[in-house]
Amino acid sequence: MNSNGQVETVLHHPFVRHPHRTLLTLSLPVLVSLVAEPLTGLVDTAFVAQLGAAPLAALGVGSAALSAVFWIFNFLGIGSQTDVAQALGAGDPQRAARSMGLGLLLAALFGFGSIVMGGVLAAPLARGLGAEGEVLTYAESYMLVRLLGAPAVIASLVAFGVLRGLQDMRTPLWVAVAVNALNIVLDWLLIFGAGPIPAMGVTGAAAASTAAQWFGAIWVSLVVVRRLGWPSHLQVHEARALLRVGGDLFLRTGFLTIFLLLATRAATNLGPESGAAHQAVRQFWIFAALGLDALAITAQSLVGYFLGAGWVTQARRVARLACLWSAAMGALLGMGMWLLRSSFATLLAPPETHSLFFSAWLLSAVVQPLNALAFATDGVHWGTGDFRYLRNAAFAAMGIGVIALLGLEATGPASLAWVWIVTGGWITVRAALGIVRIWPGIGRAPLSQPDRIQGTGIHGSGVDSSVQRRSPQPEPSPASQPTPMGGQPLSPHPPAHPPLNTGNNPGKERV
């Protein structure tokens, strides 16, 4: 594809003509794939609960520990998605392939390293989470078997990020559904046994998850390699950039986690009823976040795509619509929480905690639109590669929230409502800092730059930059459908393109 062809590909992207439909169509498969895993976790819990209290406690300890371990490597998926999306917009298939290859190699390195380290750290981690005696034995066995799937879990994070960067949201959906369906079938066979298959108990649950994860990882890795081809070489500076992204995201999520843990501590210190009510509201808040995260992931891909093409105006349009739809979803969610508050109280909280539950629940409902905006702006800034700003914003929100929580403790006994008022303030700060980076664009904001074609596949082609603002032409024939959402290959001969913007100099490396 020549330079003019890349311009036409960008101009004919479905979002340009049908922005609302495109945003929602891409987000729906993401939502379903995000919900699939928690539902499978509920099935795991239901099966293991039939074995007794000790195996169920061990499952909780092992799952919590491994979730934390695997979460550390989530930056590989986020960074790969942003880089591939920007490469797609720039018409640079070699860069997209390098990002994929680098991510998969790092997944193998970190995954097999986790297996080795797990043999040493599994028992101490379980003890650190309170496991002892029979629970410790079960938890250690569960963790060691689950860790055999670490390379598969991390490789799947990378491959899902690559596919979403290519705006293929359906393949991750089918893989996620197949993996979780296989997991459920294997759970039944390996936990309880059938015919010649012996009952393995909680270790069988780990084996089922590991086998299903390897199945999914091999499948989705073959898909991305076939889609982009294996790169002829990798670049060291791109590896360093991805690891810097990992550092920023690690700190960002750590700051968010610190506040949530301190809020839980503050609620628990008020008494067991407050702790139980807080946990019920918090668990629903986390589950509801999945729906909000679907729009954020889609915004990340679309913003990265248009920014990679140099069409900043269109990237800002994605940001605006993603924020509007997210706020609307948050408002609907909040209204639903208020209207169904009695039903949720019966479902989630013990009767003796209902008075405490209602106050926290309604405060959580009120801030859902702002919570949705916080998620949406996260996705936008992921798409721009503005990871350092997100880290700093999370630190600022944590600092304000922690000071407020410590103030509550210093002034004597408070109420659970005050804990959620502080939580609402923390959410508001996150949303506000996310928004002002886009509008008006404080600091060196990537989305405050003018439309430019420098560094994309159309630089030096003699095409005036105003071509990016002209009205879209009629849709191309099926044979020439653009790459996004269409599966056509990228340009085989793109020019050089800047590396992933790690946030160290946002807006300069990537326009």
Protein backbone atom coordinates (compact mmCIF):
# COMPACT_ATOMS: atom_id res chain seq x y z
CA MET A 1 0.00 0.00 0.00
CA ASN A 2 1.44 3.40 -0.95
CA SER A 3 1.33 6.55 1.16
CA ASN A 4 -1.86 7.83 -0.44
CA GLY A 5 -3.41 4.43 0.15
CA GLN A 6 -2.63 4.67 3.86
CA VAL A 7 -4.35 8.08 3.99
CA GLU A 8 -7.43 6.60 2.34
CA THR A 9 -7.39 3.65 4.75
CA VAL A 10 -7.48 6.03 7.71
CA LEU A 11 -10.13 8.23 6.12
CA HIS A 12 -12.39 5.24 5.50
CA HIS A 13 -12.12 3.81 8.99
CA PRO A 14 -15.66 2.90 10.14
CA PHE A 15 -15.38 5.23 13.13
CA VAL A 16 -15.10 8.27 10.85
CA ARG A 17 -18.58 7.73 9.38
CA HIS A 18 -20.30 5.76 12.14
CA PRO A 19 -18.55 6.70 15.40
CA HIS A 20 -21.20 5.62 17.91
CA ARG A 21 -21.94 2.31 16.23
CA THR A 22 -18.24 1.52 15.81
CA LEU A 23 -17.41 2.33 19.43
CA LEU A 24 -20.21 0.16 20.81
CA THR A 25 -19.71 -2.67 18.30
CA LEU A 26 -16.06 -2.96 19.28
CA SER A 27 -16.81 -2.69 23.01
CA LEU A 28 -19.44 -5.43 23.25
CA PRO A 29 -17.11 -8.39 22.53
CA VAL A 30 -14.59 -6.93 24.97
CA LEU A 31 -17.25 -6.77 27.67
CA VAL A 32 -18.25 -10.42 27.20
CA SER A 33 -14.64 -11.61 27.22
CA LEU A 34 -13.94 -9.64 30.42
CA VAL A 35 -16.95 -11.12 32.19
CA ALA A 36 -16.15 -14.72 31.15
CA GLU A 37 -13.27 -15.25 33.58
CA PRO A 38 -14.99 -14.05 36.79
CA LEU A 39 -17.95 -16.28 35.99
CA THR A 40 -15.62 -19.26 35.64
CA GLY A 41 -14.09 -18.32 38.97
CA LEU A 42 -17.53 -18.60 40.53
CA VAL A 43 -17.89 -22.11 39.06
CA ASP A 44 -14.46 -23.06 40.45
CA THR A 45 -15.56 -21.85 43.86
CA ALA A 46 -18.85 -23.76 43.70
CA PHE A 47 -17.09 -27.03 42.77
CA VAL A 48 -14.33 -26.75 45.37
CA ALA A 49 -16.84 -25.73 48.06
CA GLN A 50 -18.21 -29.27 47.85
CA LEU A 51 -14.84 -30.58 49.08
CA GLY A 52 -14.97 -28.75 52.41
CA ALA A 53 -13.76 -25.61 54.13
CA ALA A 54 -10.01 -26.28 53.96
CA PRO A 55 -9.85 -26.82 50.16
CA LEU A 56 -12.07 -23.77 49.60
CA ALA A 57 -9.87 -21.61 51.83
CA ALA A 58 -6.81 -22.90 49.96
CA LEU A 59 -8.44 -21.98 46.64
CA GLY A 60 -9.01 -18.45 47.93
CA VAL A 61 -5.41 -18.10 49.12
CA GLY A 62 -3.92 -19.55 45.93
CA SER A 63 -6.14 -17.54 43.60
CA ALA A 64 -5.40 -14.28 45.43
CA ALA A 65 -1.63 -14.88 45.38
CA LEU A 66 -1.50 -15.86 41.71
CA SER A 67 -3.78 -13.02 40.64
CA ALA A 68 -1.26 -10.63 42.18
CA VAL A 69 1.65 -12.39 40.44
CA PHE A 70 -0.01 -12.39 37.02
CA TRP A 71 -1.21 -8.81 37.47
CA ILE A 72 2.42 -7.64 37.58
CA PHE A 73 2.82 -8.64 33.92
CA ASN A 74 -0.37 -7.01 32.66
CA PHE A 75 1.78 -4.16 31.31
CA LEU A 76 2.85 -6.45 28.46
CA GLY A 77 -0.72 -6.59 27.17
CA ILE A 78 -1.42 -2.87 27.66
CA GLY A 79 1.87 -1.78 26.10
CA SER A 80 1.52 -4.17 23.16
CA GLN A 81 -2.02 -2.98 22.47
CA THR A 82 -0.98 0.67 22.37
CA ASP A 83 2.09 0.07 20.21
CA VAL A 84 0.26 -2.16 17.72
CA ALA A 85 -2.65 0.30 17.49
CA GLN A 86 -0.29 3.16 16.73
CA ALA A 87 1.64 1.04 14.23
CA LEU A 88 -1.64 0.14 12.53
CA GLY A 89 -2.52 3.81 12.15
CA ALA A 90 0.94 4.56 10.80
CA GLY A 91 0.82 1.70 8.30
CA ASP A 92 3.90 0.06 9.83
CA PRO A 93 3.48 -3.75 9.90
CA GLN A 94 7.11 -4.42 10.80
CA ARG A 95 6.77 -2.39 13.98
CA ALA A 96 3.54 -4.18 14.87
CA ALA A 97 5.25 -7.54 14.32
CA ARG A 98 8.23 -6.50 16.46
CA SER A 99 5.89 -5.46 19.26
CA MET A 100 4.14 -8.83 19.08
CA GLY A 101 7.40 -10.80 18.95
CA LEU A 102 8.94 -8.85 21.80
CA GLY A 103 5.85 -9.28 23.94
CA LEU A 104 5.68 -13.04 23.37
CA LEU A 105 9.39 -13.50 24.09
CA LEU A 106 9.11 -11.51 27.31
CA ALA A 107 6.01 -13.54 28.21
CA ALA A 108 8.02 -16.74 27.85
CA LEU A 109 10.91 -15.30 29.86
CA PHE A 110 8.74 -14.00 32.70
CA GLY A 111 6.46 -17.03 32.59
CA PHE A 112 9.14 -19.68 32.94
CA GLY A 113 10.90 -17.47 35.48
CA SER A 114 7.68 -17.46 37.51
CA ILE A 115 7.63 -21.26 37.48
CA VAL A 116 11.16 -21.38 38.90
CA MET A 117 10.51 -18.68 41.50
CA GLY A 118 7.19 -20.25 42.41
CA GLY A 119 8.89 -23.40 43.59
CA VAL A 120 10.67 -21.30 46.20
CA LEU A 121 8.03 -18.70 47.05
CA ALA A 122 4.72 -20.58 46.89
CA ALA A 123 4.72 -21.66 50.54
CA PRO A 124 5.91 -18.28 51.94
CA LEU A 125 3.27 -16.47 49.87
CA ALA A 126 0.55 -18.77 51.17
CA ARG A 127 1.73 -18.30 54.76
CA GLY A 128 1.78 -14.55 54.24
CA LEU A 129 -1.90 -14.73 53.33
CA GLY A 130 -2.71 -16.59 56.53
CA ALA A 131 -2.64 -20.22 55.34
CA GLU A 132 -1.47 -22.85 57.79
CA GLY A 133 -1.83 -26.56 58.40
CA GLU A 134 -4.07 -28.36 55.93
CA VAL A 135 -4.96 -25.12 54.15
CA LEU A 136 -1.26 -24.39 53.58
CA THR A 137 -0.69 -27.85 52.08
CA TYR A 138 -3.61 -27.51 49.69
CA ALA A 139 -2.72 -23.92 48.76
CA GLU A 140 0.92 -24.73 47.99
CA SER A 141 -0.10 -27.66 45.79
CA TYR A 142 -2.66 -25.51 43.98
CA MET A 143 -0.17 -22.70 43.36
CA LEU A 144 2.61 -24.95 42.07
CA VAL A 145 0.31 -26.57 39.50
CA ARG A 146 -1.25 -23.24 38.46
CA LEU A 147 2.20 -21.70 38.00
CA LEU A 148 2.92 -24.26 35.28
CA GLY A 149 0.50 -22.20 33.22
CA ALA A 150 2.26 -18.87 33.90
CA PRO A 151 3.86 -18.63 30.43
CA ALA A 152 0.46 -19.31 28.87
CA VAL A 153 -1.33 -16.69 30.98
CA ILE A 154 1.22 -13.98 30.19
CA ALA A 155 1.41 -14.91 26.48
CA SER A 156 -2.38 -14.64 26.29
CA LEU A 157 -2.22 -11.14 27.81
CA VAL A 158 0.20 -10.13 25.04
CA ALA A 159 -1.74 -11.78 22.22
CA PHE A 160 -5.05 -10.31 23.38
CA GLY A 161 -3.40 -6.88 23.49
CA VAL A 162 -2.03 -7.33 19.96
CA LEU A 163 -5.42 -8.37 18.58
CA ARG A 164 -7.22 -5.51 20.30
CA GLY A 165 -4.57 -3.15 18.96
CA LEU A 166 -5.51 -4.46 15.51
CA GLN A 167 -9.15 -3.75 16.48
CA ASP A 168 -9.99 -7.45 16.29
CA MET A 169 -12.14 -7.74 19.41
CA ARG A 170 -13.94 -10.94 18.40
CA THR A 171 -11.02 -13.37 18.36
CA PRO A 172 -10.16 -12.68 22.03
CA LEU A 173 -13.85 -13.21 22.81
CA TRP A 174 -13.98 -16.63 21.16
CA VAL A 175 -10.71 -17.67 22.78
CA ALA A 176 -11.87 -16.49 26.22
CA VAL A 177 -15.20 -18.30 25.91
CA ALA A 178 -13.53 -21.52 24.70
CA VAL A 179 -10.87 -21.42 27.42
CA ASN A 180 -13.38 -20.87 30.19
CA ALA A 181 -15.77 -23.51 28.84
CA LEU A 182 -12.90 -26.02 28.69
CA ASN A 183 -11.89 -25.01 32.20
CA ILE A 184 -15.36 -25.79 33.54
CA VAL A 185 -15.47 -29.21 31.85
CA LEU A 186 -11.99 -30.11 33.10
CA ASP A 187 -12.90 -28.84 36.57
CA TRP A 188 -15.64 -31.42 36.85
CA LEU A 189 -13.45 -34.24 35.55
CA LEU A 190 -10.30 -33.49 37.53
CA ILE A 191 -11.76 -32.27 40.83
CA PHE A 192 -14.20 -35.14 41.31
CA GLY A 193 -12.79 -37.75 38.92
CA ALA A 194 -14.65 -39.84 36.35
CA GLY A 195 -13.97 -43.38 35.19
CA PRO A 196 -10.20 -43.87 34.93
CA ILE A 197 -9.55 -40.23 35.87
CA PRO A 198 -8.81 -40.02 39.62
CA ALA A 199 -10.28 -37.31 41.82
CA MET A 200 -7.59 -34.68 42.40
CA GLY A 201 -9.52 -32.23 44.58
CA VAL A 202 -8.26 -28.66 44.70
CA THR A 203 -5.14 -29.68 42.72
CA GLY A 204 -7.50 -30.80 39.96
CA ALA A 205 -8.95 -27.29 39.81
CA ALA A 206 -5.42 -25.96 39.28
CA ALA A 207 -4.68 -28.57 36.61
CA ALA A 208 -7.91 -27.72 34.78
CA SER A 209 -7.05 -24.03 34.70
CA THR A 210 -3.48 -24.70 33.56
CA ALA A 211 -4.53 -27.02 30.72
CA ALA A 212 -7.21 -24.59 29.52
CA GLN A 213 -4.78 -21.67 29.65
CA TRP A 214 -2.20 -23.50 27.53
CA PHE A 215 -4.88 -24.39 25.01
CA GLY A 216 -5.92 -20.75 24.71
CA ALA A 217 -2.36 -19.41 24.63
CA ILE A 218 -1.29 -21.70 21.80
CA TRP A 219 -4.43 -20.87 19.83
CA VAL A 220 -4.23 -17.09 20.16
CA SER A 221 -0.44 -16.98 19.70
CA LEU A 222 -0.74 -18.85 16.41
CA VAL A 223 -3.42 -16.37 15.34
CA VAL A 224 -1.26 -13.29 15.94
CA VAL A 225 1.85 -14.82 14.38
CA ARG A 226 -0.13 -15.79 11.30
CA ARG A 227 -1.71 -12.31 11.20
CA LEU A 228 1.53 -10.29 11.47
CA GLY A 229 4.32 -12.76 10.73
CA TRP A 230 7.31 -13.34 13.00
CA PRO A 231 9.67 -10.31 12.97
CA SER A 232 13.04 -10.65 11.27
CA HIS A 233 14.69 -8.78 14.15
CA LEU A 234 13.91 -7.12 17.47
CA GLN A 235 15.15 -3.77 18.75
CA VAL A 236 16.66 -3.36 22.21
CA HIS A 237 15.35 0.19 22.68
CA GLU A 238 11.79 -1.06 22.13
CA ALA A 239 12.29 -3.65 24.87
CA ARG A 240 13.54 -0.94 27.22
CA ALA A 241 10.54 1.23 26.35
CA LEU A 242 8.12 -1.60 27.11
CA LEU A 243 9.81 -2.27 30.45
CA ARG A 244 9.55 1.44 31.33
CA VAL A 245 5.84 1.18 30.60
CA GLY A 246 5.79 -1.76 33.00
CA GLY A 247 7.41 0.30 35.72
CA ASP A 248 4.93 3.15 35.33
CA LEU A 249 1.90 0.83 35.26
CA PHE A 250 3.23 -1.17 38.21
CA LEU A 251 3.49 1.98 40.32
CA ARG A 252 0.15 3.32 39.10
CA THR A 253 -1.75 0.17 40.03
CA GLY A 254 0.19 -0.05 43.28
CA PHE A 255 -0.97 3.46 44.23
CA LEU A 256 -4.59 2.56 43.44
CA THR A 257 -4.32 -0.67 45.42
CA ILE A 258 -2.84 1.08 48.46
CA PHE A 259 -5.85 3.38 48.71
CA LEU A 260 -8.34 0.52 48.30
CA LEU A 261 -6.57 -1.53 50.98
CA LEU A 262 -6.53 1.40 53.40
CA ALA A 263 -10.22 2.07 52.73
CA THR A 264 -10.96 -1.58 53.51
CA ARG A 265 -8.92 -1.32 56.70
CA ALA A 266 -10.78 1.82 57.74
CA ALA A 267 -14.13 0.10 57.19
CA THR A 268 -13.06 -3.05 59.02
CA ASN A 269 -11.79 -1.05 62.01
CA LEU A 270 -15.33 0.28 62.46
CA GLY A 271 -16.52 -3.23 63.31
CA PRO A 272 -17.39 -6.52 61.62
CA GLU A 273 -20.74 -5.26 60.33
CA SER A 274 -19.10 -2.27 58.63
CA GLY A 275 -16.39 -4.50 57.22
CA ALA A 276 -18.94 -6.91 55.78
CA ALA A 277 -21.07 -4.12 54.28
CA HIS A 278 -17.99 -2.47 52.77
CA GLN A 279 -16.85 -5.75 51.22
CA ALA A 280 -20.27 -6.29 49.64
CA VAL A 281 -20.30 -2.81 48.06
CA ARG A 282 -16.65 -3.07 47.01
CA GLN A 283 -17.09 -6.44 45.29
CA PHE A 284 -20.00 -5.13 43.23
CA TRP A 285 -17.98 -2.01 42.41
CA ILE A 286 -15.14 -4.18 41.10
CA PHE A 287 -17.50 -6.35 39.05
CA ALA A 288 -19.27 -3.31 37.57
CA ALA A 289 -15.89 -1.94 36.55
CA LEU A 290 -15.67 -4.70 33.91
CA GLY A 291 -18.38 -3.04 31.85
CA LEU A 292 -16.70 0.34 32.14
CA ASP A 293 -13.33 -1.15 31.23
CA ALA A 294 -14.70 -2.48 27.93
CA LEU A 295 -15.17 1.06 26.61
CA ALA A 296 -11.75 2.04 27.93
CA ILE A 297 -10.05 -0.81 26.04
CA THR A 298 -11.83 0.15 22.82
CA ALA A 299 -10.90 3.80 23.29
CA GLN A 300 -7.28 2.75 23.79
CA SER A 301 -7.20 1.00 20.41
CA LEU A 302 -8.98 3.75 18.48
CA VAL A 303 -7.04 6.63 20.05
CA GLY A 304 -3.78 4.81 19.39
CA TYR A 305 -4.79 4.14 15.78
CA PHE A 306 -5.68 7.73 14.91
CA LEU A 307 -2.74 9.14 16.86
CA GLY A 308 -0.41 6.80 15.00
CA ALA A 309 -1.86 8.11 11.74
CA GLY A 310 -1.28 11.70 12.87
CA TRP A 311 -5.00 12.49 12.95
CA VAL A 312 -5.14 14.01 16.43
CA THR A 313 -8.53 15.63 15.82
CA GLN A 314 -10.09 12.22 15.27
CA ALA A 315 -8.32 10.81 18.34
CA ARG A 316 -9.86 13.62 20.42
CA ARG A 317 -13.23 12.72 18.92
CA VAL A 318 -12.77 9.15 20.13
CA ALA A 319 -11.91 10.48 23.58
CA ARG A 320 -14.99 12.70 23.67
CA LEU A 321 -17.42 9.96 22.62
CA ALA A 322 -15.82 7.38 24.90
CA CYS A 323 -16.22 9.75 27.84
CA LEU A 324 -19.83 10.58 26.92
CA TRP A 325 -20.84 6.93 26.56
CA SER A 326 -18.96 5.96 29.72
CA ALA A 327 -20.63 8.72 31.73
CA ALA A 328 -24.03 7.65 30.37
CA MET A 329 -23.34 4.03 31.29
CA GLY A 330 -22.21 5.14 34.74
CA ALA A 331 -25.39 7.16 35.21
CA LEU A 332 -27.56 4.20 34.17
CA LEU A 333 -25.60 1.93 36.48
CA GLY A 334 -26.04 4.36 39.36
CA MET A 335 -29.78 4.62 38.73
CA GLY A 336 -30.07 0.84 38.62
CA MET A 337 -28.16 0.53 41.88
CA TRP A 338 -30.54 3.01 43.54
CA LEU A 339 -33.73 1.42 42.18
CA LEU A 340 -32.64 -2.14 43.04
CA ARG A 341 -30.92 -1.33 46.32
CA SER A 342 -33.17 -3.60 48.38
CA SER A 343 -32.64 -6.56 46.06
CA PHE A 344 -28.87 -6.08 46.08
CA ALA A 345 -28.86 -5.77 49.86
CA THR A 346 -30.68 -9.10 50.18
CA LEU A 347 -28.32 -10.74 47.69
CA LEU A 348 -24.98 -9.35 48.86
CA ALA A 349 -25.15 -8.39 52.53
CA PRO A 350 -26.21 -10.11 55.78
CA PRO A 351 -29.44 -8.67 57.26
CA GLU A 352 -27.68 -7.17 60.28
CA THR A 353 -25.52 -4.99 57.99
CA HIS A 354 -28.31 -3.55 55.81
CA SER A 355 -28.47 -0.12 57.44
CA LEU A 356 -24.72 0.33 56.92
CA PHE A 357 -24.89 -1.23 53.47
CA PHE A 358 -27.54 1.21 52.18
CA SER A 359 -25.56 4.34 53.03
CA ALA A 360 -22.37 3.06 51.37
CA TRP A 361 -24.31 1.61 48.42
CA LEU A 362 -26.09 4.88 47.62
CA LEU A 363 -22.87 6.87 47.84
CA SER A 364 -21.25 4.38 45.47
CA ALA A 365 -24.20 4.78 43.09
CA VAL A 366 -23.89 8.57 43.09
CA VAL A 367 -20.25 8.53 41.95
CA GLN A 368 -20.67 5.89 39.22
CA PRO A 369 -20.68 8.48 36.37
CA LEU A 370 -17.39 9.89 37.68
CA ASN A 371 -16.03 6.38 38.15
CA ALA A 372 -16.91 5.65 34.52
CA LEU A 373 -15.06 8.80 33.41
CA ALA A 374 -11.99 7.71 35.37
CA PHE A 375 -11.96 4.41 33.47
CA ALA A 376 -12.60 6.07 30.11
CA THR A 377 -9.79 8.57 30.50
CA ASP A 378 -7.45 5.77 31.57
CA GLY A 379 -8.16 4.07 28.25
CA VAL A 380 -7.61 7.29 26.31
CA HIS A 381 -4.25 7.88 27.99
CA TRP A 382 -3.23 4.26 27.43
CA GLY A 383 -3.90 4.86 23.75
CA THR A 384 -1.68 7.94 23.69
CA GLY A 385 1.09 6.15 25.59
CA ASP A 386 0.85 8.71 28.39
CA PHE A 387 1.73 6.15 31.06
CA ARG A 388 3.90 8.42 33.19
CA TYR A 389 1.06 10.93 33.56
CA LEU A 390 -1.29 8.15 34.67
CA ARG A 391 1.27 7.07 37.25
CA ASN A 392 1.57 10.62 38.61
CA ALA A 393 -2.21 11.11 38.61
CA ALA A 394 -2.69 7.88 40.56
CA PHE A 395 -0.08 9.03 43.08
CA ALA A 396 -1.84 12.38 43.55
CA ALA A 397 -5.24 10.70 44.01
CA MET A 398 -3.76 8.21 46.46
CA GLY A 399 -2.09 10.97 48.47
CA ILE A 400 -5.31 12.95 48.82
CA GLY A 401 -7.34 9.83 49.63
CA VAL A 402 -4.88 8.48 52.19
CA ILE A 403 -4.65 11.84 53.98
CA ALA A 404 -8.46 11.92 54.19
CA LEU A 405 -8.64 8.35 55.52
CA LEU A 406 -5.96 9.04 58.13
CA GLY A 407 -7.87 12.18 59.08
CA LEU A 408 -10.98 10.08 59.71
CA GLU A 409 -9.02 7.76 61.99
CA ALA A 410 -7.44 10.67 63.86
CA THR A 411 -10.78 12.35 64.61
CA GLY A 412 -12.18 9.24 66.24
CA PRO A 413 -14.86 6.73 65.22
CA ALA A 414 -16.52 7.64 61.95
CA SER A 415 -19.13 5.83 59.91
CA LEU A 416 -18.93 3.64 56.83
CA ALA A 417 -20.63 6.44 54.92
CA TRP A 418 -17.61 8.67 55.56
CA VAL A 419 -15.29 5.97 54.18
CA TRP A 420 -17.30 5.99 50.98
CA ILE A 421 -17.42 9.79 50.88
CA VAL A 422 -13.61 9.70 50.89
CA THR A 423 -13.68 6.96 48.24
CA GLY A 424 -15.96 9.15 46.13
CA GLY A 425 -13.49 12.01 46.49
CA TRP A 426 -10.65 9.71 45.41
CA ILE A 427 -12.65 8.70 42.33
CA THR A 428 -13.42 12.36 41.57
CA VAL A 429 -9.74 13.31 41.68
CA ARG A 430 -8.85 10.46 39.31
CA ALA A 431 -11.58 11.47 36.86
CA ALA A 432 -10.68 15.17 37.03
CA LEU A 433 -6.98 14.56 36.42
CA GLY A 434 -7.82 12.28 33.51
CA ILE A 435 -10.13 14.84 31.92
CA VAL A 436 -7.90 17.92 32.23
CA ARG A 437 -5.10 16.09 30.44
CA ILE A 438 -7.47 15.88 27.44
CA TRP A 439 -9.45 19.13 27.87
CA PRO A 440 -7.80 21.62 27.86
CA GLY A 441 -4.68 19.44 27.81
CA ILE A 442 -2.42 20.38 30.72
CA GLY A 443 1.30 19.89 30.31
CA ARG A 444 2.68 18.29 27.18
CA ALA A 445 -0.54 16.43 26.48
CA PRO A 446 -0.42 14.21 23.37
CA LEU A 447 -3.98 15.13 22.39
CA SER A 448 -3.32 18.87 22.56
CA GLN A 449 -1.02 18.71 19.53
CA PRO A 450 -2.23 19.79 16.07
CA ASP A 451 -2.90 17.32 13.28
CA ARG A 452 0.41 16.37 11.68
CA ILE A 453 1.56 13.72 9.24
CA GLN A 454 5.19 13.61 10.30
CA GLY A 455 6.34 10.16 11.37
CA THR A 456 3.47 8.32 9.73
CA GLY A 457 3.20 6.37 6.51
CA ILE A 458 2.11 9.51 4.64
CA HIS A 459 5.08 11.76 5.43
CA GLY A 460 6.85 13.14 2.41
CA SER A 461 4.23 11.86 -0.02
CA GLY A 462 3.24 15.27 -1.26
CA VAL A 463 -0.21 14.85 0.31
CA ASP A 464 -1.30 18.00 2.10
CA SER A 465 -2.20 17.48 5.76
CA SER A 466 -5.60 18.96 5.09
CA VAL A 467 -6.51 15.71 3.39
CA GLN A 468 -7.06 14.34 6.89
CA ARG A 469 -9.91 16.78 7.43
CA ARG A 470 -11.78 16.41 4.19
CA SER A 471 -15.08 14.58 3.99
CA PRO A 472 -14.78 10.80 3.73
CA GLN A 473 -15.16 9.26 0.31
CA PRO A 474 -17.62 6.45 -0.41
CA GLU A 475 -16.81 3.12 1.16
CA PRO A 476 -14.23 1.08 -0.79
CA SER A 477 -15.09 -2.20 -2.37
CA PRO A 478 -14.85 -5.34 -0.20
CA ALA A 479 -11.56 -6.25 -1.84
CA SER A 480 -9.98 -3.03 -0.60
CA GLN A 481 -11.51 -2.79 2.86
CA PRO A 482 -9.18 -1.09 5.35
CA THR A 483 -7.17 -3.10 7.82
CA PRO A 484 -9.04 -2.05 10.99
CA MET A 485 -11.87 -4.51 11.72
CA GLY A 486 -11.25 -6.02 8.28
CA GLY A 487 -8.19 -8.21 8.61
CA GLN A 488 -6.34 -6.88 5.54
CA PRO A 489 -2.53 -6.72 5.83
CA LEU A 490 -0.75 -3.50 6.61
CA SER A 491 1.50 -1.75 4.14
CA PRO A 492 4.46 -4.01 3.32
CA HIS A 493 6.88 -1.10 2.90
CA PRO A 494 6.31 1.48 5.62
CA PRO A 495 8.80 4.15 6.58
CA ALA A 496 10.57 4.23 9.92
CA HIS A 497 8.36 5.19 12.84
CA PRO A 498 9.14 6.44 16.34
CA PRO A 499 9.06 3.92 19.20
CA LEU A 500 6.36 3.55 21.81
CA ASN A 501 5.76 6.75 23.72
CA THR A 502 6.51 5.77 27.31
CA GLY A 503 5.26 9.02 28.75
CA ASN A 504 8.75 10.44 29.28
CA ASN A 505 8.09 12.99 26.56
CA PRO A 506 4.44 12.61 25.58
CA GLY A 507 3.33 14.36 22.46
CA LYS A 508 6.82 14.66 21.01
CA GLU A 509 7.65 11.04 20.20
CA ARG A 510 4.10 10.25 19.12
CA VAL A 511 1.71 12.55 17.27
